Amino acid sequence: MILKRILLIPLLLSISKFSHTPHLEVMHPSSWTNSSVWDHHATLWSILRPDSEFYTSYSYGFNVEFIARKIAHLSFFGMLGLLFY
């Protein structure tokens, strides 16, 4: 029980860090250390606009990177669910 709580903290921190890492590519570990960004001047409109720079760091398409990103999401959030259970 205590081990679950100890493992939960680093998992939450890593999810938070990777969520705020721009241009992260799962297949290229060197991109995992990009500095995190947080735009304190962002507005709701700047995020909701389809042509917003908020979306420019993502490449959409069905390729190996897309599959690796989905596996990473399932793994991290699956572990999170198991630790909360």
C-alpha atoms as a PDB file:
ATOM      1  CA  MET A   1       0.000   0.000   0.000  1.00  0.00           C
ATOM      2  CA  ILE A   2       2.734   2.497   0.934  1.00  0.00           C
ATOM      3  CA  LEU A   3       4.717   1.441  -2.165  1.00  0.00           C
ATOM      4  CA  LYS A   4       1.772   2.458  -4.367  1.00  0.00           C
ATOM      5  CA  ARG A   5       1.743   5.918  -2.816  1.00  0.00           C
ATOM      6  CA  ILE A   6       5.500   6.259  -3.227  1.00  0.00           C
ATOM      7  CA  LEU A   7       5.278   5.265  -6.922  1.00  0.00           C
ATOM      8  CA  LEU A   8       2.294   7.540  -7.530  1.00  0.00           C
ATOM      9  CA  ILE A   9       4.226  10.768  -6.886  1.00  0.00           C
ATOM     10  CA  PRO A  10       7.004  10.244  -9.498  1.00  0.00           C
ATOM     11  CA  LEU A  11       4.405   9.048 -12.009  1.00  0.00           C
ATOM     12  CA  LEU A  12       2.294  12.185 -11.531  1.00  0.00           C
ATOM     13  CA  LEU A  13       5.395  14.376 -11.794  1.00  0.00           C
ATOM     14  CA  SER A  14       6.534  12.653 -14.994  1.00  0.00           C
ATOM     15  CA  ILE A  15       3.076  12.965 -16.590  1.00  0.00           C
ATOM     16  CA  SER A  16       3.072  16.661 -15.695  1.00  0.00           C
ATOM     17  CA  LYS A  17       6.593  17.208 -17.060  1.00  0.00           C
ATOM     18  CA  PHE A  18       5.961  15.368 -20.340  1.00  0.00           C
ATOM     19  CA  SER A  19       2.621  17.150 -20.791  1.00  0.00           C
ATOM     20  CA  HIS A  20       4.415  20.511 -20.744  1.00  0.00           C
ATOM     21  CA  THR A  21       7.374  19.517 -22.940  1.00  0.00           C
ATOM     22  CA  PRO A  22       7.129  21.118 -26.384  1.00  0.00           C
ATOM     23  CA  HIS A  23       8.060  19.149 -29.501  1.00  0.00           C
ATOM     24  CA  LEU A  24       8.339  15.901 -27.548  1.00  0.00           C
ATOM     25  CA  GLU A  25       8.807  12.842 -29.723  1.00  0.00           C
ATOM     26  CA  VAL A  26       8.500   9.457 -28.062  1.00  0.00           C
ATOM     27  CA  MET A  27      10.885   7.838 -30.549  1.00  0.00           C
ATOM     28  CA  HIS A  28      13.643  10.405 -29.873  1.00  0.00           C
ATOM     29  CA  PRO A  29      14.644  10.395 -26.170  1.00  0.00           C
ATOM     30  CA  SER A  30      16.793  13.503 -26.660  1.00  0.00           C
ATOM     31  CA  SER A  31      13.546  15.486 -27.082  1.00  0.00           C
ATOM     32  CA  TRP A  32      12.354  14.348 -23.637  1.00  0.00           C
ATOM     33  CA  THR A  33      14.615  16.934 -22.016  1.00  0.00           C
ATOM     34  CA  ASN A  34      13.301  19.976 -23.894  1.00  0.00           C
ATOM     35  CA  SER A  35      12.561  22.741 -21.430  1.00  0.00           C
ATOM     36  CA  SER A  36       8.996  22.884 -20.312  1.00  0.00           C
ATOM     37  CA  VAL A  37       6.966  25.895 -21.350  1.00  0.00           C
ATOM     38  CA  TRP A  38       4.069  27.593 -19.710  1.00  0.00           C
ATOM     39  CA  ASP A  39       2.567  30.612 -21.396  1.00  0.00           C
ATOM     40  CA  HIS A  40       1.171  32.774 -18.612  1.00  0.00           C
ATOM     41  CA  HIS A  41      -0.310  35.172 -21.162  1.00  0.00           C
ATOM     42  CA  ALA A  42      -2.380  32.542 -22.990  1.00  0.00           C
ATOM     43  CA  THR A  43      -6.068  33.264 -23.266  1.00  0.00           C
ATOM     44  CA  LEU A  44      -8.922  30.877 -23.869  1.00  0.00           C
ATOM     45  CA  TRP A  45      -9.308  32.279 -27.385  1.00  0.00           C
ATOM     46  CA  SER A  46      -5.602  31.738 -28.164  1.00  0.00           C
ATOM     47  CA  ILE A  47      -5.985  28.072 -27.231  1.00  0.00           C
ATOM     48  CA  LEU A  48      -9.306  27.404 -28.981  1.00  0.00           C
ATOM     49  CA  ARG A  49      -8.351  28.938 -32.354  1.00  0.00           C
ATOM     50  CA  PRO A  50      -7.651  26.094 -34.840  1.00  0.00           C
ATOM     51  CA  ASP A  51      -4.655  27.948 -36.317  1.00  0.00           C
ATOM     52  CA  SER A  52      -3.243  28.723 -32.869  1.00  0.00           C
ATOM     53  CA  GLU A  53       0.453  28.195 -32.129  1.00  0.00           C
ATOM     54  CA  PHE A  54      -0.798  26.018 -29.277  1.00  0.00           C
ATOM     55  CA  TYR A  55      -1.219  23.196 -31.824  1.00  0.00           C
ATOM     56  CA  THR A  56       1.877  23.731 -33.955  1.00  0.00           C
ATOM     57  CA  SER A  57       4.112  21.438 -31.884  1.00  0.00           C
ATOM     58  CA  TYR A  58       2.040  18.414 -32.828  1.00  0.00           C
ATOM     59  CA  SER A  59       2.344  16.529 -36.073  1.00  0.00           C
ATOM     60  CA  TYR A  60      -0.745  14.674 -37.070  1.00  0.00           C
ATOM     61  CA  GLY A  61      -0.505  11.567 -39.156  1.00  0.00           C
ATOM     62  CA  PHE A  62      -0.527   7.825 -38.787  1.00  0.00           C
ATOM     63  CA  ASN A  63       3.106   6.795 -38.426  1.00  0.00           C
ATOM     64  CA  VAL A  64       5.402   5.035 -35.936  1.00  0.00           C
ATOM     65  CA  GLU A  65       5.605   8.167 -33.762  1.00  0.00           C
ATOM     66  CA  PHE A  66       1.798   8.322 -33.556  1.00  0.00           C
ATOM     67  CA  ILE A  67       1.600   4.672 -32.464  1.00  0.00           C
ATOM     68  CA  ALA A  68       4.415   5.124 -29.914  1.00  0.00           C
ATOM     69  CA  ARG A  69       2.694   8.231 -28.512  1.00  0.00           C
ATOM     70  CA  LYS A  70      -0.591   6.326 -28.067  1.00  0.00           C
ATOM     71  CA  ILE A  71       1.201   3.387 -26.401  1.00  0.00           C
ATOM     72  CA  ALA A  72       2.942   5.854 -24.065  1.00  0.00           C
ATOM     73  CA  HIS A  73      -0.404   7.466 -23.165  1.00  0.00           C
ATOM     74  CA  LEU A  74      -1.997   4.081 -22.483  1.00  0.00           C
ATOM     75  CA  SER A  75       1.003   2.976 -20.416  1.00  0.00           C
ATOM     76  CA  PHE A  76       1.315   6.093 -18.268  1.00  0.00           C
ATOM     77  CA  PHE A  77      -2.387   6.557 -17.632  1.00  0.00           C
ATOM     78  CA  GLY A  78      -2.894   2.796 -17.224  1.00  0.00           C
ATOM     79  CA  MET A  79      -0.230   2.752 -14.494  1.00  0.00           C
ATOM     80  CA  LEU A  80      -1.859   5.808 -12.957  1.00  0.00           C
ATOM     81  CA  GLY A  81      -5.230   4.016 -12.868  1.00  0.00           C
ATOM     82  CA  LEU A  82      -3.687   0.906 -11.328  1.00  0.00           C
ATOM     83  CA  LEU A  83      -1.885   2.910  -8.648  1.00  0.00           C
ATOM     84  CA  PHE A  84      -5.084   4.778  -7.769  1.00  0.00           C
ATOM     85  CA  TYR A  85      -6.952   1.464  -7.607  1.00  0.00           C
END
